[in-house]
Every structure is written in C-alpha cells, then in structure tokens.
N, C-alpha and C. Protein backbone atom coordinates (compact mmCIF):
# COMPACT_ATOMS: atom_id res chain seq x y z
N UNK A 1 -43.71 15.94 -37.37
CA UNK A 1 -43.56 15.83 -35.94
C UNK A 1 -42.69 16.94 -35.37
N UNK A 2 -42.02 17.69 -36.22
CA UNK A 2 -41.09 18.70 -35.72
C UNK A 2 -41.80 19.89 -35.09
N UNK A 3 -43.08 20.11 -35.39
CA UNK A 3 -43.78 21.26 -34.85
C UNK A 3 -44.51 20.95 -33.54
N UNK A 4 -44.51 19.71 -33.15
CA UNK A 4 -45.18 19.33 -31.91
C UNK A 4 -44.20 19.39 -30.75
N UNK A 5 -44.70 19.63 -29.55
CA UNK A 5 -43.80 19.61 -28.39
C UNK A 5 -43.27 18.20 -28.15
N UNK A 6 -42.09 18.12 -27.58
CA UNK A 6 -41.45 16.81 -27.36
C UNK A 6 -42.27 15.93 -26.43
N UNK A 7 -42.99 16.52 -25.47
CA UNK A 7 -43.81 15.71 -24.57
C UNK A 7 -44.91 14.99 -25.35
N UNK A 8 -45.37 15.58 -26.44
CA UNK A 8 -46.39 14.97 -27.26
C UNK A 8 -45.88 13.66 -27.87
N UNK A 9 -44.64 13.61 -28.25
CA UNK A 9 -44.06 12.41 -28.84
C UNK A 9 -44.15 11.24 -27.86
N UNK A 10 -43.80 11.50 -26.62
CA UNK A 10 -43.80 10.42 -25.62
C UNK A 10 -45.22 10.01 -25.26
N UNK A 11 -46.15 10.93 -25.26
CA UNK A 11 -47.55 10.59 -24.98
C UNK A 11 -48.10 9.70 -26.10
N UNK A 12 -47.81 10.05 -27.34
CA UNK A 12 -48.27 9.23 -28.46
C UNK A 12 -47.66 7.84 -28.38
N UNK A 13 -46.38 7.75 -28.07
CA UNK A 13 -45.73 6.45 -27.96
C UNK A 13 -46.33 5.64 -26.81
N UNK A 14 -46.62 6.29 -25.69
CA UNK A 14 -47.24 5.60 -24.56
C UNK A 14 -48.62 5.08 -24.94
N UNK A 15 -49.43 5.89 -25.62
CA UNK A 15 -50.76 5.45 -26.04
C UNK A 15 -50.69 4.29 -27.03
N UNK A 16 -49.73 4.33 -27.94
CA UNK A 16 -49.55 3.22 -28.88
C UNK A 16 -49.19 1.94 -28.13
N UNK A 17 -48.32 2.06 -27.14
CA UNK A 17 -47.93 0.89 -26.36
C UNK A 17 -49.12 0.35 -25.56
N UNK A 18 -49.94 1.23 -25.02
CA UNK A 18 -51.13 0.79 -24.28
C UNK A 18 -52.10 0.06 -25.22
N UNK A 19 -52.34 0.59 -26.41
CA UNK A 19 -53.18 -0.09 -27.39
C UNK A 19 -52.63 -1.47 -27.72
N UNK A 20 -51.34 -1.54 -27.94
CA UNK A 20 -50.68 -2.80 -28.27
C UNK A 20 -50.87 -3.81 -27.14
N UNK A 21 -50.64 -3.38 -25.92
CA UNK A 21 -50.76 -4.27 -24.77
C UNK A 21 -52.18 -4.73 -24.51
N UNK A 22 -53.15 -3.82 -24.67
CA UNK A 22 -54.54 -4.20 -24.44
C UNK A 22 -55.04 -5.20 -25.48
N UNK A 23 -54.66 -5.01 -26.73
CA UNK A 23 -55.10 -5.98 -27.73
C UNK A 23 -54.36 -7.30 -27.59
N UNK A 24 -53.17 -7.29 -27.07
CA UNK A 24 -52.50 -8.56 -26.76
C UNK A 24 -53.26 -9.27 -25.64
N UNK A 25 -53.74 -8.52 -24.65
CA UNK A 25 -54.53 -9.12 -23.57
C UNK A 25 -55.85 -9.67 -24.10
N UNK A 26 -56.49 -8.96 -25.03
CA UNK A 26 -57.72 -9.46 -25.65
C UNK A 26 -57.44 -10.75 -26.40
N UNK A 27 -56.36 -10.77 -27.13
CA UNK A 27 -55.96 -11.95 -27.89
C UNK A 27 -55.76 -13.14 -26.96
N UNK A 28 -55.06 -12.95 -25.87
CA UNK A 28 -54.80 -14.02 -24.91
C UNK A 28 -56.10 -14.47 -24.25
N UNK A 29 -56.96 -13.53 -23.89
CA UNK A 29 -58.24 -13.87 -23.27
C UNK A 29 -59.13 -14.69 -24.20
N UNK A 30 -59.20 -14.30 -25.46
CA UNK A 30 -60.00 -15.06 -26.42
C UNK A 30 -59.38 -16.43 -26.69
N UNK A 31 -58.06 -16.50 -26.72
CA UNK A 31 -57.41 -17.80 -26.91
C UNK A 31 -57.73 -18.74 -25.76
N UNK A 32 -57.79 -18.21 -24.56
CA UNK A 32 -58.15 -19.03 -23.41
C UNK A 32 -59.61 -19.44 -23.48
N UNK A 33 -60.47 -18.56 -23.95
CA UNK A 33 -61.90 -18.87 -24.03
C UNK A 33 -62.20 -19.97 -25.04
N UNK A 34 -61.41 -20.07 -26.10
CA UNK A 34 -61.68 -21.09 -27.12
C UNK A 34 -60.74 -22.28 -27.03
N UNK A 35 -59.90 -22.30 -26.02
CA UNK A 35 -58.94 -23.39 -25.91
C UNK A 35 -59.65 -24.73 -25.69
N UNK A 36 -59.08 -25.78 -26.24
CA UNK A 36 -59.68 -27.11 -26.13
C UNK A 36 -59.50 -27.70 -24.74
N UNK A 37 -58.56 -27.22 -23.97
CA UNK A 37 -58.30 -27.80 -22.66
C UNK A 37 -59.31 -27.32 -21.63
N UNK A 38 -59.47 -26.02 -21.49
CA UNK A 38 -60.32 -25.48 -20.43
C UNK A 38 -61.34 -24.47 -20.95
N UNK A 39 -61.39 -24.24 -22.22
CA UNK A 39 -62.23 -23.18 -22.76
C UNK A 39 -63.69 -23.52 -22.81
N UNK A 40 -64.50 -22.52 -23.09
CA UNK A 40 -65.94 -22.67 -23.17
C UNK A 40 -66.38 -23.34 -24.46
N UNK A 41 -65.52 -23.35 -25.45
CA UNK A 41 -65.88 -23.91 -26.75
C UNK A 41 -65.20 -25.25 -27.00
N UNK A 42 -64.91 -25.97 -25.94
CA UNK A 42 -64.27 -27.27 -26.08
C UNK A 42 -65.32 -28.36 -26.27
N UNK A 43 -65.14 -29.14 -27.29
CA UNK A 43 -66.00 -30.29 -27.55
C UNK A 43 -65.57 -31.42 -26.61
N UNK A 44 -66.49 -32.22 -26.10
CA UNK A 44 -66.09 -33.32 -25.22
C UNK A 44 -65.10 -34.29 -25.86
N UNK A 45 -65.09 -34.36 -27.20
CA UNK A 45 -64.15 -35.26 -27.88
C UNK A 45 -62.77 -34.64 -28.02
N UNK A 46 -62.60 -33.40 -27.59
CA UNK A 46 -61.30 -32.75 -27.64
C UNK A 46 -61.15 -31.72 -28.74
N UNK A 47 -62.16 -31.53 -29.55
CA UNK A 47 -62.09 -30.54 -30.63
C UNK A 47 -62.76 -29.24 -30.23
N UNK A 48 -63.14 -28.49 -31.25
CA UNK A 48 -63.82 -27.22 -31.03
C UNK A 48 -65.30 -27.38 -31.36
N UNK A 49 -66.14 -26.70 -30.60
CA UNK A 49 -67.56 -26.67 -30.91
C UNK A 49 -67.81 -25.67 -32.03
N UNK A 50 -68.74 -26.00 -32.91
CA UNK A 50 -69.08 -25.09 -34.01
C UNK A 50 -70.53 -24.67 -33.88
N UNK A 51 -70.79 -23.94 -32.81
CA UNK A 51 -72.10 -23.35 -32.59
C UNK A 51 -71.94 -21.83 -32.71
N UNK A 52 -73.04 -21.12 -32.83
CA UNK A 52 -72.97 -19.67 -33.08
C UNK A 52 -72.13 -18.91 -32.07
N UNK A 53 -72.30 -19.10 -30.75
CA UNK A 53 -71.47 -18.33 -29.83
C UNK A 53 -69.97 -18.61 -30.00
N UNK A 54 -69.64 -19.86 -30.24
CA UNK A 54 -68.22 -20.19 -30.42
C UNK A 54 -67.68 -19.68 -31.75
N UNK A 55 -68.51 -19.73 -32.79
CA UNK A 55 -68.08 -19.18 -34.08
C UNK A 55 -67.83 -17.67 -33.97
N UNK A 56 -68.63 -16.99 -33.15
CA UNK A 56 -68.40 -15.57 -32.90
C UNK A 56 -67.06 -15.36 -32.21
N UNK A 57 -66.74 -16.20 -31.24
CA UNK A 57 -65.44 -16.10 -30.56
C UNK A 57 -64.29 -16.38 -31.51
N UNK A 58 -64.46 -17.34 -32.42
CA UNK A 58 -63.40 -17.63 -33.39
C UNK A 58 -63.16 -16.43 -34.30
N UNK A 59 -64.25 -15.80 -34.75
CA UNK A 59 -64.11 -14.61 -35.59
C UNK A 59 -63.45 -13.46 -34.84
N UNK A 60 -63.87 -13.26 -33.59
CA UNK A 60 -63.27 -12.19 -32.78
C UNK A 60 -61.80 -12.47 -32.53
N UNK A 61 -61.45 -13.73 -32.35
CA UNK A 61 -60.06 -14.10 -32.15
C UNK A 61 -59.22 -13.76 -33.38
N UNK A 62 -59.72 -14.11 -34.55
CA UNK A 62 -59.00 -13.80 -35.79
C UNK A 62 -58.85 -12.30 -36.00
N UNK A 63 -59.91 -11.56 -35.74
CA UNK A 63 -59.83 -10.10 -35.89
C UNK A 63 -58.91 -9.47 -34.86
N UNK A 64 -58.89 -10.02 -33.64
CA UNK A 64 -57.99 -9.45 -32.62
C UNK A 64 -56.53 -9.68 -33.00
N UNK A 65 -56.24 -10.80 -33.64
CA UNK A 65 -54.87 -11.04 -34.13
C UNK A 65 -54.52 -10.02 -35.20
N UNK A 66 -55.45 -9.79 -36.14
CA UNK A 66 -55.19 -8.83 -37.21
C UNK A 66 -54.99 -7.43 -36.65
N UNK A 67 -55.83 -7.03 -35.70
CA UNK A 67 -55.71 -5.69 -35.11
C UNK A 67 -54.43 -5.58 -34.30
N UNK A 68 -54.03 -6.65 -33.61
CA UNK A 68 -52.79 -6.62 -32.85
C UNK A 68 -51.59 -6.45 -33.78
N UNK A 69 -51.62 -7.10 -34.92
CA UNK A 69 -50.54 -6.93 -35.89
C UNK A 69 -50.50 -5.48 -36.39
N UNK A 70 -51.67 -4.90 -36.65
CA UNK A 70 -51.71 -3.49 -37.09
C UNK A 70 -51.20 -2.56 -36.00
N UNK A 71 -51.57 -2.83 -34.73
CA UNK A 71 -51.05 -2.01 -33.63
C UNK A 71 -49.54 -2.18 -33.48
N UNK A 72 -49.03 -3.38 -33.76
CA UNK A 72 -47.58 -3.59 -33.72
C UNK A 72 -46.89 -2.74 -34.77
N UNK A 73 -47.44 -2.73 -35.99
CA UNK A 73 -46.87 -1.90 -37.05
C UNK A 73 -46.94 -0.42 -36.69
N UNK A 74 -48.06 -0.01 -36.13
CA UNK A 74 -48.22 1.39 -35.73
C UNK A 74 -47.21 1.76 -34.65
N UNK A 75 -47.02 0.88 -33.68
CA UNK A 75 -46.05 1.13 -32.61
C UNK A 75 -44.64 1.24 -33.18
N UNK A 76 -44.30 0.38 -34.13
CA UNK A 76 -42.97 0.44 -34.75
C UNK A 76 -42.79 1.74 -35.52
N UNK A 77 -43.80 2.12 -36.31
CA UNK A 77 -43.67 3.34 -37.11
C UNK A 77 -43.57 4.59 -36.24
N UNK A 78 -44.36 4.65 -35.17
CA UNK A 78 -44.27 5.80 -34.27
C UNK A 78 -42.91 5.82 -33.57
N UNK A 79 -42.42 4.67 -33.16
CA UNK A 79 -41.11 4.60 -32.51
C UNK A 79 -39.99 5.04 -33.45
N UNK A 80 -40.07 4.61 -34.69
CA UNK A 80 -39.05 5.00 -35.68
C UNK A 80 -39.12 6.51 -35.93
N UNK A 81 -40.32 7.07 -36.04
CA UNK A 81 -40.46 8.50 -36.28
C UNK A 81 -39.90 9.31 -35.11
N UNK A 82 -40.19 8.87 -33.89
CA UNK A 82 -39.65 9.58 -32.72
C UNK A 82 -38.14 9.44 -32.65
N UNK A 83 -37.63 8.26 -32.98
CA UNK A 83 -36.18 8.05 -32.98
C UNK A 83 -35.50 8.95 -34.01
N UNK A 84 -36.07 9.04 -35.20
CA UNK A 84 -35.49 9.92 -36.23
C UNK A 84 -35.51 11.38 -35.78
N UNK A 85 -36.61 11.79 -35.17
CA UNK A 85 -36.73 13.17 -34.71
C UNK A 85 -35.70 13.46 -33.62
N UNK A 86 -35.50 12.50 -32.72
CA UNK A 86 -34.53 12.70 -31.65
C UNK A 86 -33.10 12.75 -32.21
N UNK A 87 -32.81 11.90 -33.19
CA UNK A 87 -31.48 11.92 -33.82
C UNK A 87 -31.24 13.23 -34.55
N UNK A 88 -32.27 13.70 -35.25
CA UNK A 88 -32.14 14.95 -35.99
C UNK A 88 -31.94 16.12 -35.02
N UNK A 89 -32.63 16.09 -33.89
CA UNK A 89 -32.50 17.17 -32.91
C UNK A 89 -31.11 17.18 -32.28
N UNK A 90 -30.52 16.00 -32.07
CA UNK A 90 -29.19 15.95 -31.46
C UNK A 90 -28.10 16.33 -32.45
N UNK A 91 -28.30 16.04 -33.74
CA UNK A 91 -27.27 16.40 -34.73
C UNK A 91 -27.31 17.89 -35.08
N UNK A 92 -28.47 18.53 -34.88
CA UNK A 92 -28.57 19.95 -35.18
C UNK A 92 -27.90 20.82 -34.12
N UNK A 93 -27.73 20.29 -32.94
CA UNK A 93 -27.15 21.09 -31.84
C UNK A 93 -25.67 21.26 -31.99
C-alpha cells in the first residue's frame, strides 16, 4: 500500500464500507421477506412455507449472511492496513 497515493486508501475504504452496507441491506430485506409475521413465505399456521420460491429465498438469505461476514472481514483488514500505513507515515516524519 505504500506505493499508492493516499487518496486511493480512502477510496478503497469507502468502497468496502459501501459493499458492507449494501449487503447488510440485502440481508435485512431478505429477512423481512421470509419473516413469519409479515413475510411472503409465512405459513398460515405461523411457520415457514417450504415451496421452491421460498426455499430460494432461504438459500439467498444464508448466502447473504455469509457474504456479509466476508465483507466485514474485508472491511476490517482494509481498515487495519490503512491504519498501519498511517501510523508508519507519522512515525517516519
């Protein structure tokens, strides 16, 4: 990261945060779609429907959680790398 301009660091961090936020929104949207209270996959008895469209939503929900966790790790690693670079730049002066 030392050979890149400093503005590049902040752009990468901003893009990582946007990815993190968008997948959190996807996760929340899918959770609402499959919720037993008001969702589209609610069984009249209060459970979940197990039909193909709902099973697809359940799979997408699980994958969105996994991707959100990966984006969280990516955001943390990029933040740590930028923090280290900033600390190194201030100690060299």
